[in-house]
N, C-alpha and C. Protein backbone atom coordinates (compact mmCIF):
# COMPACT_ATOMS: atom_id res chain seq x y z
N GLY A 1 -2.44 -22.83 2.11
CA GLY A 1 -3.82 -23.16 2.25
C GLY A 1 -4.48 -22.39 3.34
N GLY A 2 -5.73 -22.69 3.58
CA GLY A 2 -6.49 -21.97 4.58
C GLY A 2 -6.01 -22.27 5.99
N GLY A 3 -6.24 -21.36 6.89
CA GLY A 3 -5.89 -21.56 8.28
C GLY A 3 -4.45 -21.27 8.60
N GLU A 4 -3.65 -20.84 7.63
CA GLU A 4 -2.26 -20.60 7.91
C GLU A 4 -2.00 -19.22 8.45
N GLY A 5 -2.84 -18.28 8.15
CA GLY A 5 -2.58 -16.91 8.57
C GLY A 5 -3.30 -16.59 9.85
N SER A 6 -2.88 -15.50 10.44
CA SER A 6 -3.61 -15.01 11.60
C SER A 6 -3.73 -13.52 11.43
N ASP A 7 -4.90 -13.04 11.58
CA ASP A 7 -5.14 -11.61 11.46
C ASP A 7 -5.57 -11.14 12.84
N SER A 8 -4.61 -10.55 13.55
CA SER A 8 -4.89 -10.19 14.93
C SER A 8 -5.48 -8.81 15.07
N GLY A 9 -5.89 -8.21 13.99
CA GLY A 9 -6.46 -6.88 14.12
C GLY A 9 -7.30 -6.56 12.92
N ASP A 10 -7.62 -5.30 12.81
CA ASP A 10 -8.51 -4.91 11.74
C ASP A 10 -7.77 -4.53 10.48
N GLY A 11 -6.45 -4.57 10.51
CA GLY A 11 -5.68 -4.26 9.31
C GLY A 11 -5.66 -2.79 9.00
N GLY A 12 -6.28 -1.99 9.81
CA GLY A 12 -6.29 -0.56 9.56
C GLY A 12 -4.94 0.03 9.87
N GLY A 13 -4.84 1.28 9.75
CA GLY A 13 -3.58 1.91 10.06
C GLY A 13 -3.72 3.38 9.79
N GLY A 14 -2.67 4.03 9.92
CA GLY A 14 -2.66 5.44 9.68
C GLY A 14 -1.25 5.91 9.86
N GLU A 15 -1.12 7.18 9.88
CA GLU A 15 0.20 7.70 10.09
C GLU A 15 0.07 8.99 10.85
N GLU A 16 1.15 9.32 11.53
CA GLU A 16 1.13 10.56 12.28
C GLU A 16 1.01 11.68 11.28
N GLY A 17 0.36 12.70 11.66
CA GLY A 17 0.32 13.78 10.69
C GLY A 17 -0.79 14.72 10.95
N GLY A 18 -1.35 15.13 9.92
CA GLY A 18 -2.30 16.21 9.92
C GLY A 18 -1.75 17.22 8.94
N GLY A 19 -2.42 18.29 8.78
CA GLY A 19 -1.96 19.29 7.83
C GLY A 19 -0.81 20.10 8.37
N LYS A 20 -0.26 20.91 7.52
CA LYS A 20 0.81 21.81 7.93
C LYS A 20 0.18 23.12 8.33
N GLY A 21 0.83 23.80 9.20
CA GLY A 21 0.33 25.10 9.58
C GLY A 21 -0.38 25.08 10.91
N ARG A 22 -0.76 26.24 11.34
CA ARG A 22 -1.37 26.41 12.64
C ARG A 22 -2.77 25.79 12.70
N GLY A 23 -3.06 25.17 13.83
CA GLY A 23 -4.39 24.64 14.05
C GLY A 23 -4.66 23.31 13.38
N ALA A 24 -3.67 22.77 12.70
CA ALA A 24 -3.88 21.49 12.04
C ALA A 24 -4.01 20.40 13.10
N ALA A 25 -5.04 19.62 13.00
CA ALA A 25 -5.25 18.54 13.97
C ALA A 25 -4.23 17.44 13.72
N ARG A 26 -3.74 16.87 14.79
CA ARG A 26 -2.81 15.74 14.68
C ARG A 26 -3.56 14.48 15.09
N ARG A 27 -3.42 13.48 14.26
CA ARG A 27 -4.01 12.19 14.59
C ARG A 27 -2.98 11.37 15.34
N ARG A 28 -3.48 10.53 16.22
CA ARG A 28 -2.60 9.60 16.93
C ARG A 28 -2.06 8.59 15.93
N TRP A 29 -0.76 8.31 16.03
CA TRP A 29 -0.15 7.35 15.12
C TRP A 29 -0.68 5.97 15.43
N VAL A 30 -1.15 5.31 14.41
CA VAL A 30 -1.65 3.95 14.53
C VAL A 30 -0.76 3.07 13.67
N PRO A 31 -0.22 1.99 14.23
CA PRO A 31 0.64 1.14 13.42
C PRO A 31 -0.08 0.65 12.17
N PRO A 32 0.60 0.63 11.05
CA PRO A 32 -0.04 0.17 9.81
C PRO A 32 -0.23 -1.33 9.82
N ALA A 33 -1.00 -1.79 8.87
CA ALA A 33 -1.17 -3.22 8.69
C ALA A 33 0.15 -3.78 8.16
N MET A 34 0.46 -5.00 8.54
CA MET A 34 1.71 -5.60 8.09
C MET A 34 1.45 -7.05 7.71
N LEU A 35 1.91 -7.41 6.54
CA LEU A 35 1.76 -8.78 6.05
C LEU A 35 3.14 -9.41 5.96
N TRP A 36 3.30 -10.53 6.62
CA TRP A 36 4.54 -11.29 6.57
C TRP A 36 4.34 -12.44 5.58
N LEU A 37 5.20 -12.53 4.61
CA LEU A 37 5.18 -13.66 3.68
C LEU A 37 6.35 -14.56 4.06
N VAL A 38 6.02 -15.77 4.45
CA VAL A 38 7.03 -16.70 4.94
C VAL A 38 7.12 -17.88 3.97
N GLN A 39 8.33 -18.11 3.48
CA GLN A 39 8.53 -19.26 2.62
C GLN A 39 8.41 -20.50 3.49
N ARG A 40 7.59 -21.42 3.11
CA ARG A 40 7.28 -22.57 3.96
C ARG A 40 8.50 -23.40 4.32
N ASP A 41 9.56 -23.32 3.54
CA ASP A 41 10.78 -24.07 3.86
C ASP A 41 11.30 -23.70 5.25
N PHE A 42 11.03 -22.47 5.69
CA PHE A 42 11.54 -22.00 6.97
C PHE A 42 10.68 -22.45 8.15
N LEU A 43 9.51 -22.98 7.89
CA LEU A 43 8.59 -23.31 8.97
C LEU A 43 8.97 -24.58 9.72
N GLN A 44 9.71 -25.46 9.12
CA GLN A 44 10.16 -26.70 9.75
C GLN A 44 9.01 -27.44 10.42
N GLY A 45 7.89 -27.54 9.72
CA GLY A 45 6.75 -28.29 10.22
C GLY A 45 5.81 -27.50 11.10
N GLY A 46 6.17 -26.31 11.51
CA GLY A 46 5.31 -25.49 12.36
C GLY A 46 4.38 -24.62 11.52
N SER A 47 3.60 -23.81 12.20
CA SER A 47 2.68 -22.91 11.51
C SER A 47 3.32 -21.54 11.33
N VAL A 48 2.73 -20.74 10.47
CA VAL A 48 3.20 -19.38 10.27
C VAL A 48 3.08 -18.60 11.57
N GLU A 49 1.97 -18.79 12.30
CA GLU A 49 1.77 -18.09 13.56
C GLU A 49 2.88 -18.41 14.55
N GLU A 50 3.24 -19.70 14.66
CA GLU A 50 4.31 -20.10 15.57
C GLU A 50 5.64 -19.47 15.16
N TYR A 51 5.91 -19.49 13.87
CA TYR A 51 7.16 -18.92 13.35
C TYR A 51 7.25 -17.43 13.69
N LEU A 52 6.19 -16.67 13.43
CA LEU A 52 6.21 -15.24 13.71
C LEU A 52 6.29 -14.96 15.20
N ARG A 53 5.53 -15.71 15.99
CA ARG A 53 5.56 -15.52 17.44
C ARG A 53 6.99 -15.72 17.96
N GLN A 54 7.65 -16.75 17.49
CA GLN A 54 9.03 -17.03 17.91
C GLN A 54 9.98 -15.95 17.42
N ALA A 55 9.83 -15.53 16.17
CA ALA A 55 10.73 -14.52 15.59
C ALA A 55 10.61 -13.18 16.28
N LEU A 56 9.45 -12.87 16.85
CA LEU A 56 9.23 -11.57 17.47
C LEU A 56 9.44 -11.57 18.98
N GLN A 57 9.87 -12.70 19.53
CA GLN A 57 10.16 -12.75 20.96
C GLN A 57 11.50 -12.08 21.25
N PRO A 58 11.60 -11.36 22.36
CA PRO A 58 12.89 -10.76 22.70
C PRO A 58 13.90 -11.86 23.01
N VAL A 59 15.15 -11.57 22.75
CA VAL A 59 16.22 -12.52 23.05
C VAL A 59 17.05 -11.97 24.20
N GLU A 60 17.52 -12.88 25.04
CA GLU A 60 18.39 -12.47 26.14
C GLU A 60 19.72 -12.02 25.55
N HIS A 61 20.29 -11.01 26.19
CA HIS A 61 21.57 -10.51 25.70
C HIS A 61 22.29 -9.79 26.83
N ALA A 62 23.58 -9.64 26.66
CA ALA A 62 24.40 -8.92 27.64
C ALA A 62 24.02 -7.44 27.60
N PRO A 63 24.06 -6.75 28.72
CA PRO A 63 23.72 -5.32 28.74
C PRO A 63 24.60 -4.49 27.80
N THR A 64 25.77 -4.99 27.49
CA THR A 64 26.67 -4.25 26.61
C THR A 64 26.41 -4.52 25.13
N ASP A 65 25.48 -5.42 24.82
CA ASP A 65 25.18 -5.76 23.43
C ASP A 65 24.09 -4.83 22.91
N ALA A 66 24.51 -3.67 22.43
CA ALA A 66 23.56 -2.65 21.96
C ALA A 66 22.75 -3.14 20.77
N GLN A 67 23.38 -3.89 19.88
CA GLN A 67 22.66 -4.37 18.69
C GLN A 67 21.50 -5.28 19.09
N ALA A 68 21.72 -6.20 20.01
CA ALA A 68 20.64 -7.09 20.46
C ALA A 68 19.54 -6.27 21.12
N GLY A 69 19.92 -5.24 21.88
CA GLY A 69 18.92 -4.36 22.49
C GLY A 69 18.08 -3.65 21.45
N GLN A 70 18.72 -3.20 20.37
CA GLN A 70 17.98 -2.53 19.29
C GLN A 70 17.06 -3.51 18.59
N LEU A 71 17.53 -4.74 18.36
CA LEU A 71 16.67 -5.74 17.72
C LEU A 71 15.47 -6.07 18.59
N ASN A 72 15.66 -6.13 19.89
CA ASN A 72 14.52 -6.38 20.78
C ASN A 72 13.54 -5.22 20.75
N ALA A 73 14.03 -4.00 20.63
CA ALA A 73 13.13 -2.84 20.53
C ALA A 73 12.32 -2.93 19.23
N ILE A 74 12.96 -3.35 18.16
CA ILE A 74 12.25 -3.52 16.87
C ILE A 74 11.20 -4.61 17.01
N ARG A 75 11.57 -5.72 17.63
CA ARG A 75 10.61 -6.81 17.83
C ARG A 75 9.40 -6.32 18.64
N ARG A 76 9.65 -5.55 19.69
CA ARG A 76 8.57 -5.03 20.53
C ARG A 76 7.64 -4.13 19.70
N THR A 77 8.22 -3.27 18.88
CA THR A 77 7.41 -2.40 18.03
C THR A 77 6.58 -3.21 17.05
N LEU A 78 7.19 -4.19 16.41
CA LEU A 78 6.46 -5.02 15.44
C LEU A 78 5.31 -5.78 16.11
N ARG A 79 5.51 -6.23 17.34
CA ARG A 79 4.43 -6.94 18.05
C ARG A 79 3.24 -6.02 18.31
N SER A 80 3.46 -4.70 18.31
CA SER A 80 2.36 -3.77 18.58
C SER A 80 1.46 -3.55 17.37
N PHE A 81 1.87 -4.03 16.20
CA PHE A 81 1.07 -3.84 15.00
C PHE A 81 -0.17 -4.71 15.10
N GLY A 82 -1.32 -4.09 15.27
CA GLY A 82 -2.55 -4.83 15.44
C GLY A 82 -3.06 -5.49 14.18
N GLY A 83 -2.73 -4.95 13.03
CA GLY A 83 -3.23 -5.49 11.77
C GLY A 83 -2.23 -6.43 11.11
N MET A 84 -1.52 -7.21 11.93
CA MET A 84 -0.50 -8.09 11.38
C MET A 84 -1.10 -9.43 10.97
N ARG A 85 -0.60 -9.94 9.88
CA ARG A 85 -1.03 -11.25 9.40
C ARG A 85 0.16 -11.94 8.77
N GLY A 86 0.19 -13.24 8.86
CA GLY A 86 1.24 -14.02 8.22
C GLY A 86 0.65 -15.02 7.27
N LEU A 87 1.28 -15.17 6.13
CA LEU A 87 0.88 -16.18 5.15
C LEU A 87 2.11 -16.98 4.75
N GLY A 88 1.95 -18.29 4.67
CA GLY A 88 3.03 -19.15 4.22
C GLY A 88 2.87 -19.46 2.74
N LEU A 89 3.96 -19.32 2.01
CA LEU A 89 3.93 -19.60 0.58
C LEU A 89 4.90 -20.73 0.26
N PRO A 90 4.49 -21.64 -0.62
CA PRO A 90 5.39 -22.70 -1.04
C PRO A 90 6.38 -22.17 -2.08
N GLN A 91 7.32 -22.99 -2.46
CA GLN A 91 8.22 -22.63 -3.55
C GLN A 91 7.38 -22.39 -4.80
N PRO A 92 7.65 -21.33 -5.54
CA PRO A 92 6.85 -21.05 -6.74
C PRO A 92 7.10 -22.04 -7.88
N HIS A 93 8.30 -22.60 -7.93
CA HIS A 93 8.66 -23.48 -9.05
C HIS A 93 9.95 -24.21 -8.66
N PRO A 94 10.12 -25.45 -9.12
CA PRO A 94 11.36 -26.17 -8.78
C PRO A 94 12.62 -25.48 -9.33
N SER A 95 12.48 -24.79 -10.44
CA SER A 95 13.63 -24.13 -11.05
C SER A 95 13.70 -22.68 -10.55
N ARG A 96 14.24 -22.50 -9.36
CA ARG A 96 14.26 -21.18 -8.73
C ARG A 96 15.14 -20.17 -9.46
N THR A 97 16.11 -20.65 -10.19
CA THR A 97 17.04 -19.73 -10.85
C THR A 97 16.43 -19.05 -12.07
N SER A 98 15.30 -19.54 -12.55
CA SER A 98 14.69 -18.93 -13.74
C SER A 98 13.30 -18.38 -13.48
N LEU A 99 12.99 -18.05 -12.22
CA LEU A 99 11.65 -17.58 -11.88
C LEU A 99 11.24 -16.34 -12.67
N CYS A 100 12.18 -15.43 -12.89
CA CYS A 100 11.85 -14.19 -13.59
C CYS A 100 11.48 -14.43 -15.05
N ASP A 101 11.90 -15.55 -15.58
CA ASP A 101 11.63 -15.85 -16.99
C ASP A 101 10.36 -16.68 -17.20
N LEU A 102 9.75 -17.13 -16.12
CA LEU A 102 8.58 -18.00 -16.24
C LEU A 102 7.29 -17.20 -16.29
N PRO A 103 6.38 -17.59 -17.19
CA PRO A 103 5.06 -16.96 -17.17
C PRO A 103 4.31 -17.44 -15.92
N PRO A 104 3.39 -16.63 -15.42
CA PRO A 104 2.68 -16.99 -14.18
C PRO A 104 2.00 -18.35 -14.23
N ASP A 105 1.51 -18.78 -15.38
CA ASP A 105 0.81 -20.06 -15.43
C ASP A 105 1.73 -21.25 -15.24
N GLN A 106 3.04 -21.03 -15.27
CA GLN A 106 3.98 -22.12 -15.03
C GLN A 106 4.41 -22.20 -13.56
N LEU A 107 3.98 -21.26 -12.75
CA LEU A 107 4.27 -21.33 -11.33
C LEU A 107 3.33 -22.33 -10.68
N ALA A 108 3.74 -22.90 -9.56
CA ALA A 108 2.95 -23.91 -8.86
C ALA A 108 1.55 -23.37 -8.55
N ALA A 109 0.55 -24.21 -8.74
CA ALA A 109 -0.84 -23.80 -8.49
C ALA A 109 -1.03 -23.34 -7.04
N GLU A 110 -0.41 -24.02 -6.10
CA GLU A 110 -0.54 -23.64 -4.69
C GLU A 110 0.09 -22.27 -4.44
N TYR A 111 1.18 -21.98 -5.12
CA TYR A 111 1.82 -20.67 -5.00
C TYR A 111 0.92 -19.58 -5.57
N ARG A 112 0.34 -19.85 -6.75
CA ARG A 112 -0.57 -18.86 -7.36
C ARG A 112 -1.77 -18.61 -6.45
N ALA A 113 -2.29 -19.65 -5.80
CA ALA A 113 -3.42 -19.49 -4.87
C ALA A 113 -2.98 -18.64 -3.67
N GLY A 114 -1.77 -18.86 -3.20
CA GLY A 114 -1.25 -18.05 -2.09
C GLY A 114 -1.09 -16.60 -2.48
N MET A 115 -0.62 -16.35 -3.68
CA MET A 115 -0.47 -14.97 -4.14
C MET A 115 -1.84 -14.31 -4.31
N GLN A 116 -2.85 -15.07 -4.68
CA GLN A 116 -4.20 -14.51 -4.76
C GLN A 116 -4.68 -14.12 -3.36
N ALA A 117 -4.37 -14.93 -2.36
CA ALA A 117 -4.72 -14.58 -0.98
C ALA A 117 -4.01 -13.30 -0.56
N VAL A 118 -2.76 -13.12 -0.98
CA VAL A 118 -2.02 -11.89 -0.68
C VAL A 118 -2.73 -10.70 -1.31
N ARG A 119 -3.08 -10.81 -2.59
CA ARG A 119 -3.77 -9.70 -3.28
C ARG A 119 -5.08 -9.35 -2.58
N GLU A 120 -5.83 -10.36 -2.19
CA GLU A 120 -7.12 -10.12 -1.53
C GLU A 120 -6.93 -9.43 -0.19
N TRP A 121 -5.93 -9.86 0.59
CA TRP A 121 -5.69 -9.23 1.89
C TRP A 121 -5.27 -7.78 1.72
N VAL A 122 -4.34 -7.52 0.81
CA VAL A 122 -3.88 -6.15 0.57
C VAL A 122 -5.05 -5.29 0.09
N GLY A 123 -5.86 -5.82 -0.82
CA GLY A 123 -7.01 -5.08 -1.32
C GLY A 123 -8.00 -4.74 -0.23
N SER A 124 -8.27 -5.70 0.67
CA SER A 124 -9.24 -5.45 1.74
C SER A 124 -8.70 -4.42 2.73
N VAL A 125 -7.41 -4.46 3.03
CA VAL A 125 -6.82 -3.47 3.94
C VAL A 125 -6.87 -2.09 3.30
N ALA A 126 -6.53 -2.01 2.03
CA ALA A 126 -6.55 -0.72 1.34
C ALA A 126 -7.97 -0.16 1.30
N GLN A 127 -8.95 -1.02 1.07
CA GLN A 127 -10.34 -0.58 1.03
C GLN A 127 -10.79 -0.03 2.38
N ARG A 128 -10.43 -0.72 3.47
CA ARG A 128 -10.78 -0.23 4.81
C ARG A 128 -10.11 1.11 5.09
N ARG A 129 -8.87 1.26 4.67
CA ARG A 129 -8.16 2.52 4.91
C ARG A 129 -8.79 3.65 4.12
N ARG A 130 -9.20 3.37 2.89
CA ARG A 130 -9.85 4.42 2.07
C ARG A 130 -11.15 4.87 2.73
N ARG A 131 -11.91 3.92 3.28
CA ARG A 131 -13.19 4.27 3.94
C ARG A 131 -12.95 5.12 5.18
N ARG A 132 -11.83 4.91 5.85
CA ARG A 132 -11.53 5.66 7.08
C ARG A 132 -10.85 6.99 6.81
N ALA A 133 -10.33 7.19 5.62
CA ALA A 133 -9.57 8.41 5.32
C ALA A 133 -10.48 9.62 5.46
N PRO A 134 -9.97 10.67 6.10
CA PRO A 134 -10.78 11.89 6.22
C PRO A 134 -10.96 12.52 4.86
N ALA A 135 -12.08 13.18 4.68
CA ALA A 135 -12.36 13.86 3.41
C ALA A 135 -11.36 15.00 3.23
N ALA A 136 -10.91 15.18 2.01
CA ALA A 136 -9.92 16.23 1.74
C ALA A 136 -10.54 17.59 1.64
């Protein structure tokens, strides 16, 4: 439903690059927009924002634990994404083992509404990126 997501940025993005060859201008890398889809079963009564905030916090670890250090670096990078948003989705249908065989109209109405919100968010981000794209 409404109020579950948080959009902490403009959803814009870009990528490092520019043309090949001499004199090609390089644009500063801007983190892309990122949408987190969280199955509500994992929220344990909290909000999507709380879940993501907790998941992206660094964890304490021994200096010799390289894997935990790498995960914290990933978490730090993900927190820098300004166009991040989270949406919580309910179970699509009680019969999870046959989801691929079900027509969309048999999926839960709340799930279909959530998927429509996903489509709208992705469409709006894509539209903003197209408007910002330099002319070819």
